[in-house]
Amino acid sequence: MRWSRIKNIIILMLVIVNLFLLAMVGLRAWRSRRDDRESRARMVFILQENGIDFLPGEVPGAWTQPPGEAAPTDPGREVMTASTALVRFLEALKQEGYLCTQVTGMHPAVHADEEGNTIPVWIIGTDAWPWRFSVDGYTGALTTSE
């Protein structure tokens, strides 16, 4: 076989492998987005089953760094998603005896703990005035403030 023919066969094999890998990455990304949408829709349904309306319409996705805020002190830890934070919020509502019928908003933020470390939190606005709830983005602990 001539060298040019071998070279063309090798290039063709590499193109086929690259197309296969590209298809695998695309399929994985599509499945991930689909699963994320389904998870958020299920969370709204679970809240409604527990008598809580989710007024923003759609649960936000992953935690994002709020503009102008300091980054969390422990960047190696993964921050929980909004759906997971809502599950922890619902559990804590039941355990602590708070009453609310609507979630009016939800957004990511950064708070400082007692030691001065910055931690990610999900701020959850409800109709349980004057309470404002925040869920620790690492531990899922619920804190309230007036």
N, C-alpha and C. Protein backbone atom coordinates (compact mmCIF):
# COMPACT_ATOMS: atom_id res chain seq x y z
N MET A 1 0.84 -1.19 0.00
CA MET A 1 0.00 0.00 0.00
C MET A 1 0.88 1.24 0.00
N ARG A 2 0.41 2.22 -0.70
CA ARG A 2 1.17 3.46 -0.73
C ARG A 2 0.90 4.26 0.53
N TRP A 3 1.87 5.09 0.85
CA TRP A 3 1.79 5.90 2.08
C TRP A 3 0.60 6.85 2.05
N SER A 4 0.27 7.45 0.94
CA SER A 4 -0.85 8.41 0.86
C SER A 4 -2.18 7.71 1.15
N ARG A 5 -2.31 6.47 0.71
CA ARG A 5 -3.54 5.71 0.96
C ARG A 5 -3.66 5.39 2.46
N ILE A 6 -2.57 5.01 3.10
CA ILE A 6 -2.58 4.73 4.54
C ILE A 6 -2.91 6.00 5.31
N LYS A 7 -2.31 7.10 4.90
CA LYS A 7 -2.57 8.38 5.55
C LYS A 7 -4.05 8.74 5.46
N ASN A 8 -4.67 8.55 4.32
CA ASN A 8 -6.10 8.86 4.13
C ASN A 8 -6.99 7.97 5.00
N ILE A 9 -6.62 6.71 5.13
CA ILE A 9 -7.39 5.78 5.97
C ILE A 9 -7.30 6.22 7.43
N ILE A 10 -6.13 6.60 7.87
CA ILE A 10 -5.95 7.05 9.26
C ILE A 10 -6.76 8.32 9.50
N ILE A 11 -6.71 9.26 8.57
CA ILE A 11 -7.49 10.50 8.72
C ILE A 11 -8.98 10.19 8.77
N LEU A 12 -9.46 9.30 7.93
CA LEU A 12 -10.87 8.92 7.93
C LEU A 12 -11.27 8.28 9.25
N MET A 13 -10.40 7.42 9.80
CA MET A 13 -10.70 6.79 11.10
C MET A 13 -10.76 7.85 12.21
N LEU A 14 -9.85 8.82 12.18
CA LEU A 14 -9.85 9.87 13.19
C LEU A 14 -11.11 10.74 13.07
N VAL A 15 -11.54 11.03 11.87
CA VAL A 15 -12.78 11.81 11.67
C VAL A 15 -13.97 11.04 12.22
N ILE A 16 -14.04 9.75 11.97
CA ILE A 16 -15.15 8.93 12.47
C ILE A 16 -15.15 8.90 14.01
N VAL A 17 -13.99 8.74 14.61
CA VAL A 17 -13.89 8.73 16.07
C VAL A 17 -14.31 10.08 16.64
N ASN A 18 -13.86 11.18 16.04
CA ASN A 18 -14.23 12.51 16.50
C ASN A 18 -15.73 12.75 16.38
N LEU A 19 -16.34 12.32 15.30
CA LEU A 19 -17.79 12.47 15.15
C LEU A 19 -18.54 11.66 16.21
N PHE A 20 -18.06 10.47 16.50
CA PHE A 20 -18.67 9.65 17.53
C PHE A 20 -18.57 10.32 18.90
N LEU A 21 -17.38 10.86 19.22
CA LEU A 21 -17.20 11.54 20.51
C LEU A 21 -18.06 12.80 20.59
N LEU A 22 -18.16 13.54 19.52
CA LEU A 22 -19.01 14.73 19.49
C LEU A 22 -20.48 14.36 19.72
N ALA A 23 -20.92 13.27 19.10
CA ALA A 23 -22.31 12.82 19.31
C ALA A 23 -22.53 12.41 20.76
N MET A 24 -21.56 11.76 21.37
CA MET A 24 -21.69 11.35 22.77
C MET A 24 -21.79 12.56 23.70
N VAL A 25 -20.96 13.57 23.46
CA VAL A 25 -20.98 14.78 24.29
C VAL A 25 -22.32 15.51 24.11
N GLY A 26 -22.78 15.62 22.88
CA GLY A 26 -24.06 16.28 22.62
C GLY A 26 -25.22 15.55 23.28
N LEU A 27 -25.22 14.24 23.20
CA LEU A 27 -26.29 13.45 23.83
C LEU A 27 -26.27 13.62 25.34
N ARG A 28 -25.08 13.61 25.93
CA ARG A 28 -24.97 13.77 27.38
C ARG A 28 -25.46 15.16 27.81
N ALA A 29 -25.12 16.20 27.05
CA ALA A 29 -25.57 17.55 27.38
C ALA A 29 -27.08 17.66 27.24
N TRP A 30 -27.65 17.07 26.21
CA TRP A 30 -29.10 17.09 26.01
C TRP A 30 -29.81 16.39 27.16
N ARG A 31 -29.31 15.22 27.56
CA ARG A 31 -29.91 14.48 28.68
C ARG A 31 -29.81 15.27 29.98
N SER A 32 -28.68 15.92 30.20
CA SER A 32 -28.50 16.70 31.41
C SER A 32 -29.50 17.85 31.48
N ARG A 33 -29.67 18.58 30.37
CA ARG A 33 -30.65 19.68 30.34
C ARG A 33 -32.07 19.16 30.54
N ARG A 34 -32.39 18.04 29.92
CA ARG A 34 -33.72 17.46 30.07
C ARG A 34 -33.97 17.04 31.52
N ASP A 35 -33.01 16.36 32.13
CA ASP A 35 -33.16 15.93 33.52
C ASP A 35 -33.30 17.12 34.46
N ASP A 36 -32.56 18.19 34.19
CA ASP A 36 -32.65 19.40 35.01
C ASP A 36 -34.03 20.01 34.91
N ARG A 37 -34.57 20.12 33.69
CA ARG A 37 -35.92 20.67 33.51
C ARG A 37 -36.97 19.81 34.22
N GLU A 38 -36.84 18.48 34.10
CA GLU A 38 -37.79 17.58 34.76
C GLU A 38 -37.70 17.69 36.28
N SER A 39 -36.50 17.80 36.80
CA SER A 39 -36.31 17.93 38.24
C SER A 39 -36.96 19.21 38.76
N ARG A 40 -36.78 20.31 38.05
CA ARG A 40 -37.37 21.58 38.48
C ARG A 40 -38.90 21.53 38.39
N ALA A 41 -39.43 20.88 37.34
CA ALA A 41 -40.89 20.75 37.22
C ALA A 41 -41.45 19.88 38.35
N ARG A 42 -40.74 18.81 38.70
CA ARG A 42 -41.17 17.95 39.80
C ARG A 42 -41.18 18.70 41.12
N MET A 43 -40.21 19.59 41.31
CA MET A 43 -40.15 20.36 42.55
C MET A 43 -41.34 21.28 42.68
N VAL A 44 -41.74 21.93 41.59
CA VAL A 44 -42.93 22.79 41.62
C VAL A 44 -44.16 21.94 41.96
N PHE A 45 -44.25 20.74 41.38
CA PHE A 45 -45.36 19.85 41.66
C PHE A 45 -45.38 19.43 43.12
N ILE A 46 -44.23 19.10 43.69
CA ILE A 46 -44.15 18.70 45.10
C ILE A 46 -44.58 19.84 46.01
N LEU A 47 -44.13 21.05 45.70
CA LEU A 47 -44.56 22.21 46.48
C LEU A 47 -46.08 22.37 46.41
N GLN A 48 -46.65 22.25 45.23
CA GLN A 48 -48.10 22.39 45.08
C GLN A 48 -48.86 21.31 45.84
N GLU A 49 -48.32 20.09 45.85
CA GLU A 49 -48.95 19.02 46.63
C GLU A 49 -48.94 19.34 48.12
N ASN A 50 -47.99 20.13 48.57
CA ASN A 50 -47.89 20.52 49.97
C ASN A 50 -48.56 21.86 50.25
N GLY A 51 -49.34 22.34 49.29
CA GLY A 51 -50.11 23.56 49.49
C GLY A 51 -49.33 24.84 49.31
N ILE A 52 -48.21 24.79 48.60
CA ILE A 52 -47.39 25.98 48.39
C ILE A 52 -47.30 26.26 46.90
N ASP A 53 -47.75 27.45 46.50
CA ASP A 53 -47.65 27.87 45.10
C ASP A 53 -46.27 28.46 44.86
N PHE A 54 -45.68 28.15 43.71
CA PHE A 54 -44.39 28.70 43.35
C PHE A 54 -44.63 29.77 42.31
N LEU A 55 -44.69 31.03 42.75
CA LEU A 55 -45.08 32.14 41.88
C LEU A 55 -44.08 32.51 40.79
N PRO A 56 -42.78 32.36 40.98
CA PRO A 56 -41.90 32.74 39.87
C PRO A 56 -42.12 31.89 38.62
N GLY A 57 -42.85 30.79 38.73
CA GLY A 57 -43.14 29.97 37.56
C GLY A 57 -42.16 28.85 37.37
N GLU A 58 -40.88 29.17 37.27
CA GLU A 58 -39.88 28.13 37.04
C GLU A 58 -38.78 28.22 38.09
N VAL A 59 -38.39 27.07 38.60
CA VAL A 59 -37.32 27.00 39.60
C VAL A 59 -36.00 27.33 38.90
N PRO A 60 -35.18 28.21 39.49
CA PRO A 60 -33.87 28.49 38.87
C PRO A 60 -33.04 27.21 38.78
N GLY A 61 -32.00 27.24 38.00
CA GLY A 61 -31.13 26.08 37.86
C GLY A 61 -30.06 26.03 38.91
N ALA A 62 -28.82 25.92 38.49
CA ALA A 62 -27.70 25.82 39.40
C ALA A 62 -27.37 27.18 40.02
N TRP A 63 -26.70 27.14 41.15
CA TRP A 63 -26.30 28.36 41.84
C TRP A 63 -25.27 29.09 40.99
N THR A 64 -25.46 30.39 40.84
CA THR A 64 -24.51 31.20 40.09
C THR A 64 -24.00 32.32 40.99
N GLN A 65 -22.79 32.73 40.74
CA GLN A 65 -22.17 33.80 41.54
C GLN A 65 -22.93 35.10 41.32
N PRO A 66 -23.54 35.67 42.38
CA PRO A 66 -24.22 36.96 42.21
C PRO A 66 -23.21 38.04 41.83
N PRO A 67 -23.58 38.94 40.91
CA PRO A 67 -22.64 39.99 40.51
C PRO A 67 -22.28 40.90 41.69
N GLY A 68 -21.02 41.23 41.80
CA GLY A 68 -20.56 42.13 42.84
C GLY A 68 -20.39 41.50 44.20
N GLU A 69 -20.64 40.21 44.33
CA GLU A 69 -20.51 39.53 45.62
C GLU A 69 -19.20 38.75 45.67
N ALA A 70 -18.67 38.57 46.87
CA ALA A 70 -17.43 37.80 47.05
C ALA A 70 -17.70 36.32 46.76
N ALA A 71 -16.73 35.65 46.21
CA ALA A 71 -16.87 34.23 45.92
C ALA A 71 -16.87 33.44 47.22
N PRO A 72 -17.55 32.28 47.25
CA PRO A 72 -17.51 31.45 48.45
C PRO A 72 -16.08 31.09 48.83
N THR A 73 -15.83 30.96 50.13
CA THR A 73 -14.49 30.70 50.63
C THR A 73 -14.00 29.31 50.26
N ASP A 74 -14.89 28.36 50.11
CA ASP A 74 -14.52 26.98 49.82
C ASP A 74 -14.97 26.60 48.41
N PRO A 75 -14.23 27.02 47.37
CA PRO A 75 -14.67 26.77 46.00
C PRO A 75 -14.60 25.30 45.60
N GLY A 76 -13.95 24.45 46.39
CA GLY A 76 -13.86 23.03 46.07
C GLY A 76 -15.14 22.27 46.33
N ARG A 77 -16.04 22.82 47.14
CA ARG A 77 -17.30 22.16 47.46
C ARG A 77 -18.35 22.51 46.43
N GLU A 78 -19.20 21.56 46.15
CA GLU A 78 -20.26 21.80 45.17
C GLU A 78 -21.48 22.40 45.87
N VAL A 79 -22.05 23.43 45.28
CA VAL A 79 -23.22 24.09 45.83
C VAL A 79 -24.47 23.37 45.34
N MET A 80 -25.43 23.17 46.25
CA MET A 80 -26.65 22.45 45.88
C MET A 80 -27.47 23.26 44.87
N THR A 81 -28.25 22.54 44.08
CA THR A 81 -29.11 23.17 43.09
C THR A 81 -30.32 23.80 43.78
N ALA A 82 -31.04 24.60 43.03
CA ALA A 82 -32.24 25.25 43.57
C ALA A 82 -33.29 24.20 43.96
N SER A 83 -33.43 23.15 43.17
CA SER A 83 -34.41 22.11 43.49
C SER A 83 -34.09 21.44 44.82
N THR A 84 -32.83 21.13 45.04
CA THR A 84 -32.42 20.52 46.31
C THR A 84 -32.65 21.49 47.47
N ALA A 85 -32.35 22.77 47.25
CA ALA A 85 -32.58 23.77 48.30
C ALA A 85 -34.06 23.86 48.63
N LEU A 86 -34.94 23.76 47.64
CA LEU A 86 -36.38 23.80 47.90
C LEU A 86 -36.85 22.57 48.69
N VAL A 87 -36.25 21.42 48.42
CA VAL A 87 -36.60 20.22 49.20
C VAL A 87 -36.20 20.43 50.65
N ARG A 88 -34.99 20.95 50.89
CA ARG A 88 -34.55 21.22 52.26
C ARG A 88 -35.45 22.27 52.92
N PHE A 89 -35.85 23.28 52.16
CA PHE A 89 -36.74 24.33 52.65
C PHE A 89 -38.08 23.72 53.08
N LEU A 90 -38.66 22.85 52.26
CA LEU A 90 -39.94 22.22 52.58
C LEU A 90 -39.82 21.34 53.83
N GLU A 91 -38.73 20.58 53.93
CA GLU A 91 -38.50 19.75 55.13
C GLU A 91 -38.42 20.61 56.39
N ALA A 92 -37.68 21.70 56.30
CA ALA A 92 -37.50 22.57 57.46
C ALA A 92 -38.81 23.27 57.83
N LEU A 93 -39.61 23.64 56.83
CA LEU A 93 -40.92 24.25 57.13
C LEU A 93 -41.76 23.31 57.98
N LYS A 94 -41.77 22.05 57.59
CA LYS A 94 -42.57 21.06 58.33
C LYS A 94 -42.01 20.83 59.73
N GLN A 95 -40.69 20.75 59.85
CA GLN A 95 -40.08 20.49 61.15
C GLN A 95 -40.22 21.67 62.10
N GLU A 96 -40.04 22.89 61.59
CA GLU A 96 -40.05 24.08 62.43
C GLU A 96 -41.45 24.66 62.64
N GLY A 97 -42.41 24.22 61.85
CA GLY A 97 -43.78 24.69 62.02
C GLY A 97 -44.10 26.01 61.35
N TYR A 98 -43.28 26.47 60.42
CA TYR A 98 -43.58 27.70 59.69
C TYR A 98 -44.72 27.44 58.73
N LEU A 99 -45.54 28.45 58.52
CA LEU A 99 -46.65 28.34 57.59
C LEU A 99 -46.42 29.28 56.42
N CYS A 100 -46.55 28.77 55.22
CA CYS A 100 -46.52 29.62 54.04
C CYS A 100 -47.32 28.93 52.95
N THR A 101 -47.91 29.73 52.08
CA THR A 101 -48.69 29.18 50.98
C THR A 101 -48.13 29.56 49.63
N GLN A 102 -47.13 30.45 49.62
CA GLN A 102 -46.55 30.88 48.35
C GLN A 102 -45.05 31.11 48.49
N VAL A 103 -44.33 30.67 47.49
CA VAL A 103 -42.93 31.08 47.34
C VAL A 103 -42.97 32.19 46.30
N THR A 104 -42.57 33.39 46.71
CA THR A 104 -42.68 34.55 45.83
C THR A 104 -41.41 34.85 45.05
N GLY A 105 -40.31 34.23 45.44
CA GLY A 105 -39.06 34.46 44.74
C GLY A 105 -37.96 33.58 45.28
N MET A 106 -36.92 33.42 44.47
CA MET A 106 -35.77 32.60 44.88
C MET A 106 -34.57 33.08 44.09
N HIS A 107 -33.48 33.36 44.80
CA HIS A 107 -32.27 33.78 44.11
C HIS A 107 -31.03 33.41 44.92
N PRO A 108 -29.88 33.27 44.23
CA PRO A 108 -28.64 32.95 44.93
C PRO A 108 -28.04 34.19 45.57
N ALA A 109 -27.31 33.99 46.65
CA ALA A 109 -26.62 35.09 47.34
C ALA A 109 -25.40 34.51 48.06
N VAL A 110 -24.63 35.39 48.66
CA VAL A 110 -23.47 34.99 49.45
C VAL A 110 -23.60 35.65 50.82
N HIS A 111 -23.39 34.86 51.88
CA HIS A 111 -23.44 35.39 53.24
C HIS A 111 -22.14 35.05 53.95
N ALA A 112 -21.82 35.81 54.98
CA ALA A 112 -20.64 35.52 55.79
C ALA A 112 -21.09 34.81 57.06
N ASP A 113 -20.36 33.76 57.45
CA ASP A 113 -20.68 33.07 58.70
C ASP A 113 -19.96 33.76 59.86
N GLU A 114 -20.03 33.16 61.06
CA GLU A 114 -19.46 33.77 62.25
C GLU A 114 -17.95 33.96 62.15
N GLU A 115 -17.29 33.09 61.39
CA GLU A 115 -15.83 33.16 61.26
C GLU A 115 -15.39 34.07 60.12
N GLY A 116 -16.34 34.66 59.41
CA GLY A 116 -16.01 35.54 58.30
C GLY A 116 -15.87 34.85 56.96
N ASN A 117 -16.14 33.54 56.92
CA ASN A 117 -16.08 32.82 55.66
C ASN A 117 -17.33 33.12 54.85
N THR A 118 -17.18 33.25 53.55
CA THR A 118 -18.35 33.48 52.70
C THR A 118 -18.91 32.14 52.25
N ILE A 119 -20.22 32.01 52.37
CA ILE A 119 -20.89 30.77 51.99
C ILE A 119 -22.03 31.10 51.02
N PRO A 120 -22.28 30.22 50.06
CA PRO A 120 -23.39 30.44 49.14
C PRO A 120 -24.71 30.07 49.82
N VAL A 121 -25.74 30.83 49.54
CA VAL A 121 -27.07 30.54 50.08
C VAL A 121 -28.11 30.76 48.99
N TRP A 122 -29.24 30.13 49.16
CA TRP A 122 -30.41 30.39 48.34
C TRP A 122 -31.37 31.20 49.20
N ILE A 123 -31.74 32.40 48.76
CA ILE A 123 -32.71 33.23 49.46
C ILE A 123 -34.08 32.89 48.91
N ILE A 124 -35.01 32.55 49.80
CA ILE A 124 -36.36 32.16 49.38
C ILE A 124 -37.35 33.14 49.99
N GLY A 125 -38.03 33.87 49.14
CA GLY A 125 -39.07 34.78 49.58
C GLY A 125 -40.41 34.07 49.63
N THR A 126 -41.17 34.31 50.69
CA THR A 126 -42.47 33.66 50.84
C THR A 126 -43.51 34.68 51.29
N ASP A 127 -44.75 34.21 51.42
CA ASP A 127 -45.80 35.06 51.96
C ASP A 127 -45.84 35.01 53.48
N ALA A 128 -44.87 34.35 54.10
CA ALA A 128 -44.81 34.24 55.57
C ALA A 128 -44.14 35.48 56.13
N TRP A 129 -44.72 36.61 55.86
CA TRP A 129 -44.16 37.88 56.29
C TRP A 129 -44.10 37.94 57.80
N PRO A 130 -43.11 38.46 58.44
CA PRO A 130 -41.95 39.18 57.94
C PRO A 130 -40.74 38.29 57.72
N TRP A 131 -40.95 36.99 57.69
CA TRP A 131 -39.82 36.07 57.62
C TRP A 131 -39.23 36.01 56.22
N ARG A 132 -37.91 35.98 56.20
CA ARG A 132 -37.16 35.73 54.97
C ARG A 132 -36.31 34.50 55.25
N PHE A 133 -36.36 33.55 54.38
CA PHE A 133 -35.66 32.29 54.59
C PHE A 133 -34.42 32.21 53.70
N SER A 134 -33.37 31.58 54.23
CA SER A 134 -32.19 31.30 53.41
C SER A 134 -31.75 29.87 53.70
N VAL A 135 -31.36 29.20 52.64
CA VAL A 135 -30.90 27.82 52.74
C VAL A 135 -29.41 27.80 52.42
N ASP A 136 -28.62 27.28 53.35
CA ASP A 136 -27.18 27.17 53.15
C ASP A 136 -26.92 26.31 51.91
N GLY A 137 -26.11 26.81 51.00
CA GLY A 137 -25.84 26.11 49.75
C GLY A 137 -24.99 24.87 49.89
N TYR A 138 -24.34 24.70 51.03
CA TYR A 138 -23.53 23.50 51.27
C TYR A 138 -24.26 22.48 52.13
N THR A 139 -24.81 22.94 53.26
CA THR A 139 -25.39 22.01 54.24
C THR A 139 -26.90 21.86 54.12
N GLY A 140 -27.56 22.84 53.52
CA GLY A 140 -29.02 22.80 53.44
C GLY A 140 -29.70 23.29 54.68
N ALA A 141 -28.96 23.85 55.63
CA ALA A 141 -29.57 24.37 56.86
C ALA A 141 -30.40 25.60 56.55
N LEU A 142 -31.60 25.65 57.15
CA LEU A 142 -32.50 26.80 56.93
C LEU A 142 -32.31 27.81 58.05
N THR A 143 -32.16 29.07 57.67
CA THR A 143 -32.11 30.15 58.65
C THR A 143 -33.17 31.16 58.28
N THR A 144 -33.66 31.86 59.28
CA THR A 144 -34.69 32.86 59.05
C THR A 144 -34.22 34.21 59.56
N SER A 145 -34.75 35.24 58.97
CA SER A 145 -34.46 36.59 59.44
C SER A 145 -35.72 37.44 59.23
N GLU A 146 -35.82 38.49 60.01
CA GLU A 146 -36.96 39.39 59.87
C GLU A 146 -36.56 40.61 59.09
